[in-house]
Amino acid sequence: MEDFYDLVEHAIDNAFLYGDYSFNCYKHLKSIEATSQQVREFINSSTAGNTALIIKDLSMYIEEDDPTSIEAYGHLGKEKAGLIKQYLYAILKDSWQFEKLSK
């Protein structure tokens, strides 16, 4: 399952660096036959927590023009920041749904 964590981190990097939003978390979890406990561990992991923080920071940039968030993400532009935010949220949402359905 550690490979999954690495895939999520690479998906995040690829979204920021290359605009690549191709990782489908739900499909991947299904393909590796992840258990609800494994997914729950991911949901409670620092990787998922950091993903949620990035989503929050992107929201603060897009919606509130927070100075710190502008400094961190202003180079993206709000449109790209919004796409990344949606993509990262989809990764977390897929994890929550998979965990819920695999009980």
PDB file of N, CA and C in Angstrom:
ATOM      1  N   MET A   1       0.832  -1.195   0.000  1.00  0.00           N
ATOM      2  CA  MET A   1       0.000   0.000   0.000  1.00  0.00           C
ATOM      3  C   MET A   1       0.875   1.257   0.000  1.00  0.00           C
ATOM      4  N   GLU A   2       2.139   1.114   0.401  1.00  0.00           N
ATOM      5  CA  GLU A   2       3.030   2.279   0.358  1.00  0.00           C
ATOM      6  C   GLU A   2       3.183   2.813  -1.058  1.00  0.00           C
ATOM      7  N   ASP A   3       3.115   1.917  -2.031  1.00  0.00           N
ATOM      8  CA  ASP A   3       3.166   2.358  -3.430  1.00  0.00           C
ATOM      9  C   ASP A   3       2.008   3.295  -3.742  1.00  0.00           C
ATOM     10  N   PHE A   4       0.862   3.042  -3.118  1.00  0.00           N
ATOM     11  CA  PHE A   4      -0.304   3.900  -3.317  1.00  0.00           C
ATOM     12  C   PHE A   4      -0.025   5.306  -2.816  1.00  0.00           C
ATOM     13  N   TYR A   5       0.582   5.418  -1.660  1.00  0.00           N
ATOM     14  CA  TYR A   5       0.922   6.727  -1.106  1.00  0.00           C
ATOM     15  C   TYR A   5       1.846   7.468  -2.072  1.00  0.00           C
ATOM     16  N   ASP A   6       2.833   6.745  -2.606  1.00  0.00           N
ATOM     17  CA  ASP A   6       3.748   7.351  -3.575  1.00  0.00           C
ATOM     18  C   ASP A   6       3.010   7.792  -4.837  1.00  0.00           C
ATOM     19  N   LEU A   7       2.066   6.979  -5.286  1.00  0.00           N
ATOM     20  CA  LEU A   7       1.281   7.344  -6.472  1.00  0.00           C
ATOM     21  C   LEU A   7       0.486   8.625  -6.236  1.00  0.00           C
ATOM     22  N   VAL A   8      -0.099   8.746  -5.060  1.00  0.00           N
ATOM     23  CA  VAL A   8      -0.862   9.952  -4.732  1.00  0.00           C
ATOM     24  C   VAL A   8       0.068  11.162  -4.732  1.00  0.00           C
ATOM     25  N   GLU A   9       1.225  11.029  -4.105  1.00  0.00           N
ATOM     26  CA  GLU A   9       2.173  12.144  -4.061  1.00  0.00           C
ATOM     27  C   GLU A   9       2.659  12.519  -5.456  1.00  0.00           C
ATOM     28  N   HIS A  10       2.891  11.517  -6.296  1.00  0.00           N
ATOM     29  CA  HIS A  10       3.303  11.800  -7.678  1.00  0.00           C
ATOM     30  C   HIS A  10       2.159  12.433  -8.467  1.00  0.00           C
ATOM     31  N   ALA A  11       0.939  12.001  -8.204  1.00  0.00           N
ATOM     32  CA  ALA A  11      -0.218  12.597  -8.879  1.00  0.00           C
ATOM     33  C   ALA A  11      -0.332  14.081  -8.527  1.00  0.00           C
ATOM     34  N   ILE A  12      -0.079  14.400  -7.271  1.00  0.00           N
ATOM     35  CA  ILE A  12      -0.112  15.800  -6.840  1.00  0.00           C
ATOM     36  C   ILE A  12       0.985  16.587  -7.551  1.00  0.00           C
ATOM     37  N   ASP A  13       2.191  16.055  -7.543  1.00  0.00           N
ATOM     38  CA  ASP A  13       3.302  16.722  -8.227  1.00  0.00           C
ATOM     39  C   ASP A  13       2.999  16.920  -9.707  1.00  0.00           C
ATOM     40  N   ASN A  14       2.479  15.881 -10.356  1.00  0.00           N
ATOM     41  CA  ASN A  14       2.187  15.967 -11.790  1.00  0.00           C
ATOM     42  C   ASN A  14       1.098  16.988 -12.098  1.00  0.00           C
ATOM     43  N   ALA A  15       0.146  17.122 -11.185  1.00  0.00           N
ATOM     44  CA  ALA A  15      -0.898  18.134 -11.386  1.00  0.00           C
ATOM     45  C   ALA A  15      -0.293  19.530 -11.364  1.00  0.00           C
ATOM     46  N   PHE A  16       0.562  19.789 -10.398  1.00  0.00           N
ATOM     47  CA  PHE A  16       1.180  21.106 -10.290  1.00  0.00           C
ATOM     48  C   PHE A  16       2.187  21.379 -11.404  1.00  0.00           C
ATOM     49  N   LEU A  17       3.000  20.390 -11.718  1.00  0.00           N
ATOM     50  CA  LEU A  17       4.089  20.610 -12.674  1.00  0.00           C
ATOM     51  C   LEU A  17       3.656  20.515 -14.134  1.00  0.00           C
ATOM     52  N   TYR A  18       2.766  19.564 -14.423  1.00  0.00           N
ATOM     53  CA  TYR A  18       2.465  19.267 -15.822  1.00  0.00           C
ATOM     54  C   TYR A  18       0.990  19.415 -16.196  1.00  0.00           C
ATOM     55  N   GLY A  19       0.158  19.759 -15.230  1.00  0.00           N
ATOM     56  CA  GLY A  19      -1.272  19.830 -15.525  1.00  0.00           C
ATOM     57  C   GLY A  19      -1.857  18.468 -15.847  1.00  0.00           C
ATOM     58  N   ASP A  20      -1.266  17.428 -15.283  1.00  0.00           N
ATOM     59  CA  ASP A  20      -1.712  16.055 -15.523  1.00  0.00           C
ATOM     60  C   ASP A  20      -2.682  15.666 -14.410  1.00  0.00           C
ATOM     61  N   TYR A  21      -3.929  15.420 -14.771  1.00  0.00           N
ATOM     62  CA  TYR A  21      -4.973  15.073 -13.812  1.00  0.00           C
ATOM     63  C   TYR A  21      -5.508  13.665 -14.095  1.00  0.00           C
ATOM     64  N   SER A  22      -4.643  12.759 -14.497  1.00  0.00           N
ATOM     65  CA  SER A  22      -5.089  11.464 -15.008  1.00  0.00           C
ATOM     66  C   SER A  22      -5.228  10.361 -13.958  1.00  0.00           C
ATOM     67  N   PHE A  23      -4.702  10.553 -12.764  1.00  0.00           N
ATOM     68  CA  PHE A  23      -4.780   9.502 -11.755  1.00  0.00           C
ATOM     69  C   PHE A  23      -6.213   9.375 -11.253  1.00  0.00           C
ATOM     70  N   ASN A  24      -6.766   8.182 -11.367  1.00  0.00           N
ATOM     71  CA  ASN A  24      -8.104   7.902 -10.862  1.00  0.00           C
ATOM     72  C   ASN A  24      -7.952   7.043  -9.614  1.00  0.00           C
ATOM     73  N   CYS A  25      -8.122   7.669  -8.488  1.00  0.00           N
ATOM     74  CA  CYS A  25      -7.887   7.014  -7.213  1.00  0.00           C
ATOM     75  C   CYS A  25      -8.802   5.808  -7.007  1.00  0.00           C
ATOM     76  N   TYR A  26     -10.075   5.975  -7.260  1.00  0.00           N
ATOM     77  CA  TYR A  26     -11.028   4.889  -7.030  1.00  0.00           C
ATOM     78  C   TYR A  26     -10.670   3.664  -7.873  1.00  0.00           C
ATOM     79  N   LYS A  27     -10.412   3.896  -9.160  1.00  0.00           N
ATOM     80  CA  LYS A  27     -10.059   2.782 -10.052  1.00  0.00           C
ATOM     81  C   LYS A  27      -8.789   2.087  -9.578  1.00  0.00           C
ATOM     82  N   HIS A  28      -7.828   2.881  -9.116  1.00  0.00           N
ATOM     83  CA  HIS A  28      -6.584   2.276  -8.656  1.00  0.00           C
ATOM     84  C   HIS A  28      -6.818   1.435  -7.401  1.00  0.00           C
ATOM     85  N   LEU A  29      -7.561   1.968  -6.448  1.00  0.00           N
ATOM     86  CA  LEU A  29      -7.835   1.208  -5.230  1.00  0.00           C
ATOM     87  C   LEU A  29      -8.558  -0.097  -5.552  1.00  0.00           C
ATOM     88  N   LYS A  30      -9.461  -0.028  -6.496  1.00  0.00           N
ATOM     89  CA  LYS A  30     -10.180  -1.235  -6.918  1.00  0.00           C
ATOM     90  C   LYS A  30      -9.223  -2.229  -7.576  1.00  0.00           C
ATOM     91  N   SER A  31      -8.335  -1.724  -8.419  1.00  0.00           N
ATOM     92  CA  SER A  31      -7.424  -2.612  -9.154  1.00  0.00           C
ATOM     93  C   SER A  31      -6.427  -3.316  -8.232  1.00  0.00           C
ATOM     94  N   ILE A  32      -6.068  -2.681  -7.129  1.00  0.00           N
ATOM     95  CA  ILE A  32      -5.118  -3.320  -6.206  1.00  0.00           C
ATOM     96  C   ILE A  32      -5.841  -4.074  -5.095  1.00  0.00           C
ATOM     97  N   GLU A  33      -7.189  -4.091  -5.187  1.00  0.00           N
ATOM     98  CA  GLU A  33      -8.017  -4.781  -4.212  1.00  0.00           C
ATOM     99  C   GLU A  33      -7.703  -4.336  -2.784  1.00  0.00           C
ATOM    100  N   ALA A  34      -7.669  -3.025  -2.603  1.00  0.00           N
ATOM    101  CA  ALA A  34      -7.394  -2.453  -1.292  1.00  0.00           C
ATOM    102  C   ALA A  34      -8.537  -2.787  -0.333  1.00  0.00           C
ATOM    103  N   THR A  35      -8.198  -2.956   0.914  1.00  0.00           N
ATOM    104  CA  THR A  35      -9.213  -3.223   1.928  1.00  0.00           C
ATOM    105  C   THR A  35      -9.676  -1.907   2.545  1.00  0.00           C
ATOM    106  N   SER A  36     -10.829  -1.953   3.194  1.00  0.00           N
ATOM    107  CA  SER A  36     -11.325  -0.735   3.840  1.00  0.00           C
ATOM    108  C   SER A  36     -10.356  -0.264   4.919  1.00  0.00           C
ATOM    109  N   GLN A  37      -9.719  -1.189   5.611  1.00  0.00           N
ATOM    110  CA  GLN A  37      -8.751  -0.793   6.645  1.00  0.00           C
ATOM    111  C   GLN A  37      -7.541  -0.091   6.026  1.00  0.00           C
ATOM    112  N   GLN A  38      -7.039  -0.599   4.918  1.00  0.00           N
ATOM    113  CA  GLN A  38      -5.908   0.048   4.245  1.00  0.00           C
ATOM    114  C   GLN A  38      -6.274   1.456   3.803  1.00  0.00           C
ATOM    115  N   VAL A  39      -7.468   1.606   3.265  1.00  0.00           N
ATOM    116  CA  VAL A  39      -7.901   2.923   2.794  1.00  0.00           C
ATOM    117  C   VAL A  39      -8.135   3.849   3.982  1.00  0.00           C
ATOM    118  N   ARG A  40      -8.678   3.322   5.064  1.00  0.00           N
ATOM    119  CA  ARG A  40      -8.866   4.120   6.277  1.00  0.00           C
ATOM    120  C   ARG A  40      -7.516   4.622   6.796  1.00  0.00           C
ATOM    121  N   GLU A  41      -6.506   3.761   6.751  1.00  0.00           N
ATOM    122  CA  GLU A  41      -5.157   4.171   7.165  1.00  0.00           C
ATOM    123  C   GLU A  41      -4.646   5.295   6.271  1.00  0.00           C
ATOM    124  N   PHE A  42      -4.906   5.197   4.974  1.00  0.00           N
ATOM    125  CA  PHE A  42      -4.511   6.275   4.074  1.00  0.00           C
ATOM    126  C   PHE A  42      -5.253   7.559   4.428  1.00  0.00           C
ATOM    127  N   ILE A  43      -6.551   7.464   4.642  1.00  0.00           N
ATOM    128  CA  ILE A  43      -7.365   8.641   4.969  1.00  0.00           C
ATOM    129  C   ILE A  43      -6.824   9.341   6.211  1.00  0.00           C
ATOM    130  N   ASN A  44      -6.310   8.574   7.151  1.00  0.00           N
ATOM    131  CA  ASN A  44      -5.764   9.135   8.391  1.00  0.00           C
ATOM    132  C   ASN A  44      -4.267   9.440   8.307  1.00  0.00           C
ATOM    133  N   SER A  45      -3.683   9.246   7.144  1.00  0.00           N
ATOM    134  CA  SER A  45      -2.235   9.436   6.980  1.00  0.00           C
ATOM    135  C   SER A  45      -1.852  10.901   6.783  1.00  0.00           C
ATOM    136  N   SER A  46      -0.563  11.149   6.928  1.00  0.00           N
ATOM    137  CA  SER A  46      -0.049  12.503   6.678  1.00  0.00           C
ATOM    138  C   SER A  46      -0.179  12.858   5.200  1.00  0.00           C
ATOM    139  N   THR A  47      -0.122  11.886   4.319  1.00  0.00           N
ATOM    140  CA  THR A  47      -0.279  12.166   2.888  1.00  0.00           C
ATOM    141  C   THR A  47      -1.667  12.740   2.610  1.00  0.00           C
ATOM    142  N   ALA A  48      -2.695  12.114   3.143  1.00  0.00           N
ATOM    143  CA  ALA A  48      -4.056  12.620   2.950  1.00  0.00           C
ATOM    144  C   ALA A  48      -4.243  13.951   3.683  1.00  0.00           C
ATOM    145  N   GLY A  49      -3.660  14.055   4.871  1.00  0.00           N
ATOM    146  CA  GLY A  49      -3.752  15.305   5.626  1.00  0.00           C
ATOM    147  C   GLY A  49      -3.099  16.463   4.894  1.00  0.00           C
ATOM    148  N   ASN A  50      -1.937  16.220   4.330  1.00  0.00           N
ATOM    149  CA  ASN A  50      -1.248  17.264   3.563  1.00  0.00           C
ATOM    150  C   ASN A  50      -2.030  17.623   2.301  1.00  0.00           C
ATOM    151  N   THR A  51      -2.659  16.641   1.693  1.00  0.00           N
ATOM    152  CA  THR A  51      -3.493  16.903   0.517  1.00  0.00           C
ATOM    153  C   THR A  51      -4.652  17.823   0.896  1.00  0.00           C
ATOM    154  N   ALA A  52      -5.266  17.548   2.035  1.00  0.00           N
ATOM    155  CA  ALA A  52      -6.368  18.397   2.510  1.00  0.00           C
ATOM    156  C   ALA A  52      -5.873  19.821   2.796  1.00  0.00           C
ATOM    157  N   LEU A  53      -4.672  19.949   3.334  1.00  0.00           N
ATOM    158  CA  LEU A  53      -4.117  21.285   3.596  1.00  0.00           C
ATOM    159  C   LEU A  53      -3.853  22.047   2.295  1.00  0.00           C
ATOM    160  N   ILE A  54      -3.372  21.353   1.287  1.00  0.00           N
ATOM    161  CA  ILE A  54      -3.151  21.987  -0.014  1.00  0.00           C
ATOM    162  C   ILE A  54      -4.480  22.474  -0.578  1.00  0.00           C
ATOM    163  N   ILE A  55      -5.514  21.640  -0.460  1.00  0.00           N
ATOM    164  CA  ILE A  55      -6.848  22.030  -0.936  1.00  0.00           C
ATOM    165  C   ILE A  55      -7.310  23.290  -0.215  1.00  0.00           C
ATOM    166  N   LYS A  56      -7.121  23.319   1.094  1.00  0.00           N
ATOM    167  CA  LYS A  56      -7.520  24.493   1.883  1.00  0.00           C
ATOM    168  C   LYS A  56      -6.746  25.736   1.436  1.00  0.00           C
ATOM    169  N   ASP A  57      -5.437  25.588   1.266  1.00  0.00           N
ATOM    170  CA  ASP A  57      -4.616  26.725   0.828  1.00  0.00           C
ATOM    171  C   ASP A  57      -5.020  27.214  -0.556  1.00  0.00           C
ATOM    172  N   LEU A  58      -5.302  26.278  -1.467  1.00  0.00           N
ATOM    173  CA  LEU A  58      -5.756  26.667  -2.806  1.00  0.00           C
ATOM    174  C   LEU A  58      -7.089  27.407  -2.722  1.00  0.00           C
ATOM    175  N   SER A  59      -7.970  26.943  -1.852  1.00  0.00           N
ATOM    176  CA  SER A  59      -9.257  27.628  -1.657  1.00  0.00           C
ATOM    177  C   SER A  59      -9.048  29.037  -1.134  1.00  0.00           C
ATOM    178  N   MET A  60      -8.116  29.191  -0.214  1.00  0.00           N
ATOM    179  CA  MET A  60      -7.844  30.515   0.341  1.00  0.00           C
ATOM    180  C   MET A  60      -7.284  31.446  -0.735  1.00  0.00           C
ATOM    181  N   TYR A  61      -6.501  30.905  -1.636  1.00  0.00           N
ATOM    182  CA  TYR A  61      -5.979  31.701  -2.747  1.00  0.00           C
ATOM    183  C   TYR A  61      -7.106  32.086  -3.703  1.00  0.00           C
ATOM    184  N   ILE A  62      -7.911  31.106  -4.093  1.00  0.00           N
ATOM    185  CA  ILE A  62      -8.950  31.326  -5.100  1.00  0.00           C
ATOM    186  C   ILE A  62     -10.072  32.216  -4.572  1.00  0.00           C
ATOM    187  N   GLU A  63     -10.536  31.935  -3.373  1.00  0.00           N
ATOM    188  CA  GLU A  63     -11.744  32.574  -2.865  1.00  0.00           C
ATOM    189  C   GLU A  63     -11.497  33.797  -1.990  1.00  0.00           C
ATOM    190  N   GLU A  64     -10.357  33.833  -1.303  1.00  0.00           N
ATOM    191  CA  GLU A  64     -10.148  34.890  -0.314  1.00  0.00           C
ATOM    192  C   GLU A  64      -8.955  35.794  -0.609  1.00  0.00           C
ATOM    193  N   ASP A  65      -8.188  35.482  -1.639  1.00  0.00           N
ATOM    194  CA  ASP A  65      -6.979  36.249  -1.950  1.00  0.00           C
ATOM    195  C   ASP A  65      -6.075  36.393  -0.726  1.00  0.00           C
ATOM    196  N   ASP A  66      -5.967  35.298   0.025  1.00  0.00           N
ATOM    197  CA  ASP A  66      -5.099  35.272   1.199  1.00  0.00           C
ATOM    198  C   ASP A  66      -3.659  35.547   0.775  1.00  0.00           C
ATOM    199  N   PRO A  67      -2.979  36.525   1.407  1.00  0.00           N
ATOM    200  CA  PRO A  67      -1.625  36.898   0.987  1.00  0.00           C
ATOM    201  C   PRO A  67      -0.619  35.740   0.989  1.00  0.00           C
ATOM    202  N   THR A  68      -0.671  34.904   2.008  1.00  0.00           N
ATOM    203  CA  THR A  68       0.259  33.774   2.066  1.00  0.00           C
ATOM    204  C   THR A  68      -0.017  32.792   0.938  1.00  0.00           C
ATOM    205  N   SER A  69      -1.290  32.536   0.693  1.00  0.00           N
ATOM    206  CA  SER A  69      -1.668  31.618  -0.388  1.00  0.00           C
ATOM    207  C   SER A  69      -1.350  32.199  -1.761  1.00  0.00           C
ATOM    208  N   ILE A  70      -1.500  33.516  -1.894  1.00  0.00           N
ATOM    209  CA  ILE A  70      -1.131  34.169  -3.158  1.00  0.00           C
ATOM    210  C   ILE A  70       0.355  33.983  -3.415  1.00  0.00           C
ATOM    211  N   GLU A  71       1.147  34.140  -2.358  1.00  0.00           N
ATOM    212  CA  GLU A  71       2.595  33.973  -2.503  1.00  0.00           C
ATOM    213  C   GLU A  71       2.941  32.540  -2.922  1.00  0.00           C
ATOM    214  N   ALA A  72       2.241  31.569  -2.342  1.00  0.00           N
ATOM    215  CA  ALA A  72       2.534  30.168  -2.631  1.00  0.00           C
ATOM    216  C   ALA A  72       1.980  29.698  -3.974  1.00  0.00           C
ATOM    217  N   TYR A  73       0.778  30.178  -4.331  1.00  0.00           N
ATOM    218  CA  TYR A  73       0.089  29.623  -5.493  1.00  0.00           C
ATOM    219  C   TYR A  73      -0.268  30.643  -6.568  1.00  0.00           C
ATOM    220  N   GLY A  74       0.069  31.889  -6.358  1.00  0.00           N
ATOM    221  CA  GLY A  74      -0.281  32.936  -7.306  1.00  0.00           C
ATOM    222  C   GLY A  74       0.263  32.708  -8.700  1.00  0.00           C
ATOM    223  N   HIS A  75       1.409  32.043  -8.793  1.00  0.00           N
ATOM    224  CA  HIS A  75       2.014  31.786 -10.105  1.00  0.00           C
ATOM    225  C   HIS A  75       1.161  30.857 -10.972  1.00  0.00           C
ATOM    226  N   LEU A  76       0.245  30.118 -10.341  1.00  0.00           N
ATOM    227  CA  LEU A  76      -0.592  29.180 -11.091  1.00  0.00           C
ATOM    228  C   LEU A  76      -1.708  29.876 -11.862  1.00  0.00           C
ATOM    229  N   GLY A  77      -2.189  30.961 -11.287  1.00  0.00           N
ATOM    230  CA  GLY A  77      -3.417  31.566 -11.796  1.00  0.00           C
ATOM    231  C   GLY A  77      -4.600  30.842 -11.175  1.00  0.00           C
ATOM    232  N   LYS A  78      -5.696  31.545 -11.042  1.00  0.00           N
ATOM    233  CA  LYS A  78      -6.841  30.978 -10.329  1.00  0.00           C
ATOM    234  C   LYS A  78      -7.504  29.826 -11.083  1.00  0.00           C
ATOM    235  N   GLU A  79      -7.499  29.873 -12.391  1.00  0.00           N
ATOM    236  CA  GLU A  79      -8.119  28.790 -13.156  1.00  0.00           C
ATOM    237  C   GLU A  79      -7.392  27.463 -12.926  1.00  0.00           C
ATOM    238  N   LYS A  80      -6.070  27.478 -13.076  1.00  0.00           N
ATOM    239  CA  LYS A  80      -5.299  26.251 -12.865  1.00  0.00           C
ATOM    240  C   LYS A  80      -5.365  25.822 -11.407  1.00  0.00           C
ATOM    241  N   ALA A  81      -5.317  26.767 -10.489  1.00  0.00           N
ATOM    242  CA  ALA A  81      -5.424  26.439  -9.066  1.00  0.00           C
ATOM    243  C   ALA A  81      -6.757  25.750  -8.791  1.00  0.00           C
ATOM    244  N   GLY A  82      -7.817  26.210  -9.438  1.00  0.00           N
ATOM    245  CA  GLY A  82      -9.132  25.592  -9.272  1.00  0.00           C
ATOM    246  C   GLY A  82      -9.170  24.168  -9.802  1.00  0.00           C
ATOM    247  N   LEU A  83      -8.524  23.933 -10.936  1.00  0.00           N
ATOM    248  CA  LEU A  83      -8.469  22.582 -11.496  1.00  0.00           C
ATOM    249  C   LEU A  83      -7.716  21.640 -10.571  1.00  0.00           C
ATOM    250  N   ILE A  84      -6.595  22.117 -10.047  1.00  0.00           N
ATOM    251  CA  ILE A  84      -5.797  21.301  -9.133  1.00  0.00           C
ATOM    252  C   ILE A  84      -6.595  21.005  -7.865  1.00  0.00           C
ATOM    253  N   LYS A  85      -7.254  22.015  -7.349  1.00  0.00           N
ATOM    254  CA  LYS A  85      -8.067  21.843  -6.138  1.00  0.00           C
ATOM    255  C   LYS A  85      -9.137  20.776  -6.362  1.00  0.00           C
ATOM    256  N   GLN A  86      -9.838  20.837  -7.475  1.00  0.00           N
ATOM    257  CA  GLN A  86     -10.877  19.846  -7.786  1.00  0.00           C
ATOM    258  C   GLN A  86     -10.286  18.442  -7.909  1.00  0.00           C
ATOM    259  N   TYR A  87      -9.147  18.352  -8.550  1.00  0.00           N
ATOM    260  CA  TYR A  87      -8.477  17.067  -8.757  1.00  0.00           C
ATOM    261  C   TYR A  87      -8.051  16.463  -7.423  1.00  0.00           C
ATOM    262  N   LEU A  88      -7.435  17.260  -6.572  1.00  0.00           N
ATOM    263  CA  LEU A  88      -6.991  16.752  -5.271  1.00  0.00           C
ATOM    264  C   LEU A  88      -8.179  16.347  -4.410  1.00  0.00           C
ATOM    265  N   TYR A  89      -9.236  17.132  -4.473  1.00  0.00           N
ATOM    266  CA  TYR A  89     -10.435  16.780  -3.724  1.00  0.00           C
ATOM    267  C   TYR A  89     -11.011  15.461  -4.239  1.00  0.00           C
ATOM    268  N   ALA A  90     -10.969  15.247  -5.544  1.00  0.00           N
ATOM    269  CA  ALA A  90     -11.477  13.999  -6.127  1.00  0.00           C
ATOM    270  C   ALA A  90     -10.692  12.796  -5.602  1.00  0.00           C
ATOM    271  N   ILE A  91      -9.391  12.963  -5.418  1.00  0.00           N
ATOM    272  CA  ILE A  91      -8.573  11.875  -4.871  1.00  0.00           C
ATOM    273  C   ILE A  91      -9.050  11.523  -3.465  1.00  0.00           C
ATOM    274  N   LEU A  92      -9.230  12.543  -2.629  1.00  0.00           N
ATOM    275  CA  LEU A  92      -9.696  12.282  -1.265  1.00  0.00           C
ATOM    276  C   LEU A  92     -11.117  11.715  -1.264  1.00  0.00           C
ATOM    277  N   LYS A  93     -11.979  12.284  -2.087  1.00  0.00           N
ATOM    278  CA  LYS A  93     -13.371  11.831  -2.153  1.00  0.00           C
ATOM    279  C   LYS A  93     -13.436  10.367  -2.598  1.00  0.00           C
ATOM    280  N   ASP A  94     -12.642  10.017  -3.596  1.00  0.00           N
ATOM    281  CA  ASP A  94     -12.592   8.619  -4.044  1.00  0.00           C
ATOM    282  C   ASP A  94     -12.173   7.701  -2.903  1.00  0.00           C
ATOM    283  N   SER A  95     -11.219   8.138  -2.102  1.00  0.00           N
ATOM    284  CA  SER A  95     -10.762   7.332  -0.964  1.00  0.00           C
ATOM    285  C   SER A  95     -11.889   7.139   0.042  1.00  0.00           C
ATOM    286  N   TRP A  96     -12.599   8.234   0.357  1.00  0.00           N
ATOM    287  CA  TRP A  96     -13.705   8.143   1.314  1.00  0.00           C
ATOM    288  C   TRP A  96     -14.785   7.207   0.798  1.00  0.00           C
ATOM    289  N   GLN A  97     -15.116   7.330  -0.478  1.00  0.00           N
ATOM    290  CA  GLN A  97     -16.175   6.499  -1.056  1.00  0.00           C
ATOM    291  C   GLN A  97     -15.760   5.035  -1.109  1.00  0.00           C
ATOM    292  N   PHE A  98     -14.502   4.798  -1.477  1.00  0.00           N
ATOM    293  CA  PHE A  98     -14.033   3.418  -1.562  1.00  0.00           C
ATOM    294  C   PHE A  98     -14.063   2.770  -0.186  1.00  0.00           C
ATOM    295  N   GLU A  99     -13.600   3.497   0.814  1.00  0.00           N
ATOM    296  CA  GLU A  99     -13.572   2.963   2.176  1.00  0.00           C
ATOM    297  C   GLU A  99     -14.987   2.650   2.650  1.00  0.00           C
ATOM    298  N   LYS A 100     -15.902   3.520   2.347  1.00  0.00           N
ATOM    299  CA  LYS A 100     -17.296   3.356   2.759  1.00  0.00           C
ATOM    300  C   LYS A 100     -17.943   2.147   2.074  1.00  0.00           C
ATOM    301  N   LEU A 101     -17.668   1.982   0.784  1.00  0.00           N
ATOM    302  CA  LEU A 101     -18.292   0.907   0.014  1.00  0.00           C
ATOM    303  C   LEU A 101     -17.626  -0.460   0.210  1.00  0.00           C
ATOM    304  N   SER A 102     -16.407  -0.476   0.716  1.00  0.00           N
ATOM    305  CA  SER A 102     -15.701  -1.746   0.835  1.00  0.00           C
ATOM    306  C   SER A 102     -15.809  -2.351   2.230  1.00  0.00           C
ATOM    307  N   LYS A 103     -16.659  -1.801   3.058  1.00  0.00           N
ATOM    308  CA  LYS A 103     -16.842  -2.354   4.413  1.00  0.00           C
ATOM    309  C   LYS A 103     -17.613  -3.651   4.367  1.00  0.00           C
TER     310      LYS A 103
END
